[in-house]
Amino acid sequence: MVNLPLQPRYVLPPLCLIAISALLAILNLNDLLEFNRQLIEQGEIWRLLSSQFVHANWAHLGLNCAGIVLIWLLHAEHTTPSRYALNSLILGIWCGSGIYFFCPDIKIYTGLSALLHGVIVWGAIKDISVGMKTGSLLFIGIWLKIAHEQYAGPSAEVGKLIASRVAIDAHLIGAIGGIVLAIPILVQMIKKTPN
């Protein structure tokens, strides 16, 4: 029998993230919140973070919500509401800043996918730290996915669905952010390793 993490402390954070993203879609605030390189260069730096929570269309939002649910199923018990919010905030800033500094060809960007890649990597490392063998498989799997994207390029089918080019470099930046976010976990794992 599957034991789902249904306690409010596990369910409310992902529901809040879905609700915020859906509300921004309903209010159609992309023009104000999306990553727009030209406007960021003119001082609208909030877009580095806010762009992570708006989406190109409803299909894009739906795909990212499915990712939120998957991460909830995999890693909900590793977080508290405050940890969930902090991880989302740190990774949101990391991803937006990374796109700005390392992806000059990206002029417009929206979506949670970069941030979610970071959360998956952080969760996989957390799994490994508590002795869950599936953590290693997930960690290897996410990096194989990213390597495939870097080699083969973005999925044309997903791009057509979301009416936007899939920002595969943003996924890489998010995954690297997940490792950076997991540095305290990695330090604890090293300290526990027998000499």
Protein backbone atom coordinates (compact mmCIF):
# COMPACT_ATOMS: atom_id res chain seq x y z
CA MET A 1 0.00 0.00 0.00
CA VAL A 2 1.27 3.46 -0.95
CA ASN A 3 1.68 5.83 1.97
CA LEU A 4 1.16 9.32 0.55
CA PRO A 5 2.38 12.37 2.50
CA LEU A 6 -1.09 13.86 3.02
CA GLN A 7 -0.46 15.83 6.20
CA PRO A 8 -1.12 19.57 5.72
CA ARG A 9 2.56 20.47 6.26
CA TYR A 10 3.43 18.35 3.20
CA VAL A 11 0.42 19.17 1.01
CA LEU A 12 0.05 22.93 1.54
CA PRO A 13 3.43 24.12 0.16
CA PRO A 14 3.05 22.49 -3.28
CA LEU A 15 -0.62 23.51 -3.41
CA CYS A 16 0.40 27.10 -2.66
CA LEU A 17 3.00 27.02 -5.45
CA ILE A 18 0.39 25.68 -7.88
CA ALA A 19 -2.16 28.26 -6.68
CA ILE A 20 0.27 31.17 -7.05
CA SER A 21 1.24 30.09 -10.56
CA ALA A 22 -2.41 29.55 -11.53
CA LEU A 23 -3.45 32.93 -10.11
CA LEU A 24 -0.70 34.67 -12.08
CA ALA A 25 -1.94 32.87 -15.21
CA ILE A 26 -5.55 33.88 -14.56
CA LEU A 27 -4.48 37.49 -14.02
CA ASN A 28 -2.36 37.29 -17.21
CA LEU A 29 0.61 39.09 -15.64
CA ASN A 30 3.31 37.82 -18.00
CA ASP A 31 4.01 41.29 -19.40
CA LEU A 32 4.81 42.49 -15.89
CA LEU A 33 6.58 39.40 -14.51
CA GLU A 34 8.25 37.37 -17.29
CA PHE A 35 12.02 37.32 -17.79
CA ASN A 36 12.53 40.05 -20.35
CA ARG A 37 16.23 40.73 -20.82
CA GLN A 38 15.76 44.23 -22.15
CA LEU A 39 13.52 45.29 -19.25
CA ILE A 40 15.79 43.64 -16.67
CA GLU A 41 18.69 45.66 -18.09
CA GLN A 42 16.54 48.76 -17.59
CA GLY A 43 16.23 47.96 -13.86
CA GLU A 44 13.22 45.63 -13.59
CA ILE A 45 15.26 43.06 -11.65
CA TRP A 46 12.22 41.47 -9.94
CA ARG A 47 11.72 39.62 -13.21
CA LEU A 48 14.71 37.39 -12.36
CA LEU A 49 12.53 35.77 -9.67
CA SER A 50 8.98 36.45 -10.83
CA SER A 51 9.59 34.86 -14.24
CA GLN A 52 9.83 31.46 -12.59
CA PHE A 53 6.15 31.60 -11.58
CA VAL A 54 4.49 32.69 -14.84
CA HIS A 55 4.00 30.45 -17.86
CA ALA A 56 3.74 30.70 -21.64
CA ASN A 57 0.27 29.11 -21.66
CA TRP A 58 -2.01 26.75 -19.73
CA ALA A 59 -0.31 23.64 -21.12
CA HIS A 60 3.04 24.97 -19.87
CA LEU A 61 1.52 25.56 -16.44
CA GLY A 62 -0.04 22.08 -16.49
CA LEU A 63 3.30 20.41 -17.25
CA ASN A 64 4.99 22.29 -14.42
CA CYS A 65 2.14 21.48 -12.02
CA ALA A 66 2.61 17.81 -12.89
CA GLY A 67 6.27 18.28 -11.97
CA ILE A 68 5.28 19.84 -8.65
CA VAL A 69 3.04 16.85 -7.89
CA LEU A 70 5.79 14.39 -8.85
CA ILE A 71 8.27 16.14 -6.56
CA TRP A 72 5.67 16.12 -3.78
CA LEU A 73 5.29 12.36 -4.21
CA LEU A 74 9.05 11.82 -4.19
CA HIS A 75 10.30 14.29 -1.60
CA ALA A 76 7.49 15.86 0.44
CA GLU A 77 8.68 14.34 3.68
CA HIS A 78 12.11 15.97 3.31
CA THR A 79 10.70 19.47 3.65
CA THR A 80 8.84 21.73 5.98
CA PRO A 81 6.75 24.64 4.70
CA SER A 82 9.58 27.04 5.51
CA ARG A 83 12.20 24.82 3.80
CA TYR A 84 9.93 24.49 0.74
CA ALA A 85 9.51 28.27 0.53
CA LEU A 86 13.23 28.91 1.09
CA ASN A 87 14.25 26.33 -1.54
CA SER A 88 11.79 27.85 -4.03
CA LEU A 89 13.02 31.39 -3.33
CA ILE A 90 16.73 30.53 -3.52
CA LEU A 91 16.35 28.41 -6.64
CA GLY A 92 14.10 31.01 -8.27
CA ILE A 93 16.72 33.73 -7.81
CA TRP A 94 19.51 31.32 -8.81
CA CYS A 95 17.74 30.27 -12.01
CA GLY A 96 16.73 33.78 -13.07
CA SER A 97 20.24 35.12 -12.39
CA GLY A 98 21.85 32.15 -14.13
CA ILE A 99 19.73 32.66 -17.22
CA TYR A 100 20.59 36.35 -17.20
CA PHE A 101 24.34 35.90 -16.87
CA PHE A 102 24.95 32.65 -18.76
CA CYS A 103 22.24 32.49 -21.44
CA PRO A 104 22.47 35.75 -23.39
CA ASP A 105 20.45 34.22 -26.23
CA ILE A 106 17.40 33.88 -23.95
CA LYS A 107 15.50 37.15 -24.28
CA ILE A 108 12.15 35.99 -22.82
CA TYR A 109 11.73 33.19 -20.28
CA THR A 110 8.86 31.87 -18.21
CA GLY A 111 8.15 28.81 -16.13
CA LEU A 112 9.03 26.69 -13.13
CA SER A 113 10.95 23.98 -14.97
CA ALA A 114 14.45 25.26 -14.13
CA LEU A 115 13.52 25.66 -10.48
CA LEU A 116 11.91 22.20 -10.45
CA HIS A 117 15.07 20.62 -11.85
CA GLY A 118 16.92 22.13 -8.90
CA VAL A 119 14.38 20.82 -6.42
CA ILE A 120 14.59 17.31 -7.91
CA VAL A 121 18.39 17.31 -7.61
CA TRP A 122 18.21 18.63 -4.03
CA GLY A 123 15.64 15.95 -3.17
CA ALA A 124 17.72 13.18 -4.73
CA ILE A 125 20.72 14.24 -2.64
CA LYS A 126 18.50 14.35 0.44
CA ASP A 127 17.27 10.83 -0.40
CA ILE A 128 20.86 9.62 -0.64
CA SER A 129 21.74 11.27 2.68
CA VAL A 130 19.00 9.34 4.51
CA GLY A 131 19.96 6.03 2.90
CA MET A 132 17.29 5.75 0.21
CA LYS A 133 18.78 3.85 -2.72
CA THR A 134 16.27 5.42 -5.11
CA GLY A 135 18.00 8.76 -4.53
CA SER A 136 21.04 7.62 -6.49
CA LEU A 137 18.86 6.41 -9.35
CA LEU A 138 16.96 9.69 -9.42
CA PHE A 139 20.18 11.71 -9.30
CA ILE A 140 21.69 9.74 -12.19
CA GLY A 141 18.39 9.85 -14.10
CA ILE A 142 17.99 13.62 -13.92
CA TRP A 143 21.57 14.16 -15.10
CA LEU A 144 21.08 11.70 -17.97
CA LYS A 145 17.96 13.67 -18.97
CA ILE A 146 19.90 16.94 -18.88
CA ALA A 147 22.81 15.43 -20.82
CA HIS A 148 20.37 14.15 -23.46
CA GLU A 149 18.79 17.60 -23.74
CA GLN A 150 22.22 19.22 -24.12
CA TYR A 151 23.16 16.70 -26.83
CA ALA A 152 19.87 16.37 -28.73
CA GLY A 153 18.46 19.84 -28.16
CA PRO A 154 15.04 20.85 -26.89
CA SER A 155 11.98 18.71 -27.51
CA ALA A 156 10.09 20.04 -30.53
CA GLU A 157 6.89 18.35 -29.33
CA VAL A 158 6.99 19.99 -25.91
CA GLY A 159 7.94 23.30 -27.52
CA LYS A 160 4.87 23.09 -29.76
CA LEU A 161 2.65 22.20 -26.79
CA ILE A 162 3.82 25.15 -24.68
CA ALA A 163 4.11 27.52 -27.68
CA SER A 164 7.67 28.33 -26.65
CA ARG A 165 11.17 26.95 -27.08
CA VAL A 166 12.13 24.65 -24.20
CA ALA A 167 14.96 26.37 -22.30
CA ILE A 168 17.25 23.38 -21.81
CA ASP A 169 20.11 25.55 -20.54
CA ALA A 170 17.79 26.79 -17.80
CA HIS A 171 17.21 23.16 -16.77
CA LEU A 172 20.98 22.72 -16.45
CA ILE A 173 21.28 25.91 -14.41
CA GLY A 174 18.46 24.74 -12.13
CA ALA A 175 20.06 21.33 -11.61
CA ILE A 176 23.39 22.93 -10.72
CA GLY A 177 21.45 25.14 -8.30
CA GLY A 178 20.07 21.99 -6.68
CA ILE A 179 23.61 20.82 -5.97
CA VAL A 180 24.56 24.22 -4.56
CA LEU A 181 21.43 24.21 -2.40
CA ALA A 182 22.40 20.74 -1.14
CA ILE A 183 25.90 21.76 -0.02
CA PRO A 184 24.94 21.61 3.70
CA ILE A 185 23.57 18.08 3.16
CA LEU A 186 26.73 17.06 1.30
CA VAL A 187 28.91 18.46 4.08
CA GLN A 188 26.96 16.43 6.65
CA MET A 189 27.31 13.31 4.52
CA ILE A 190 31.09 13.83 4.30
CA LYS A 191 31.32 14.33 8.07
CA LYS A 192 29.44 11.06 8.65
CA THR A 193 31.66 9.10 6.26
CA PRO A 194 34.15 6.94 8.17
CA ASN A 195 37.79 7.79 7.45
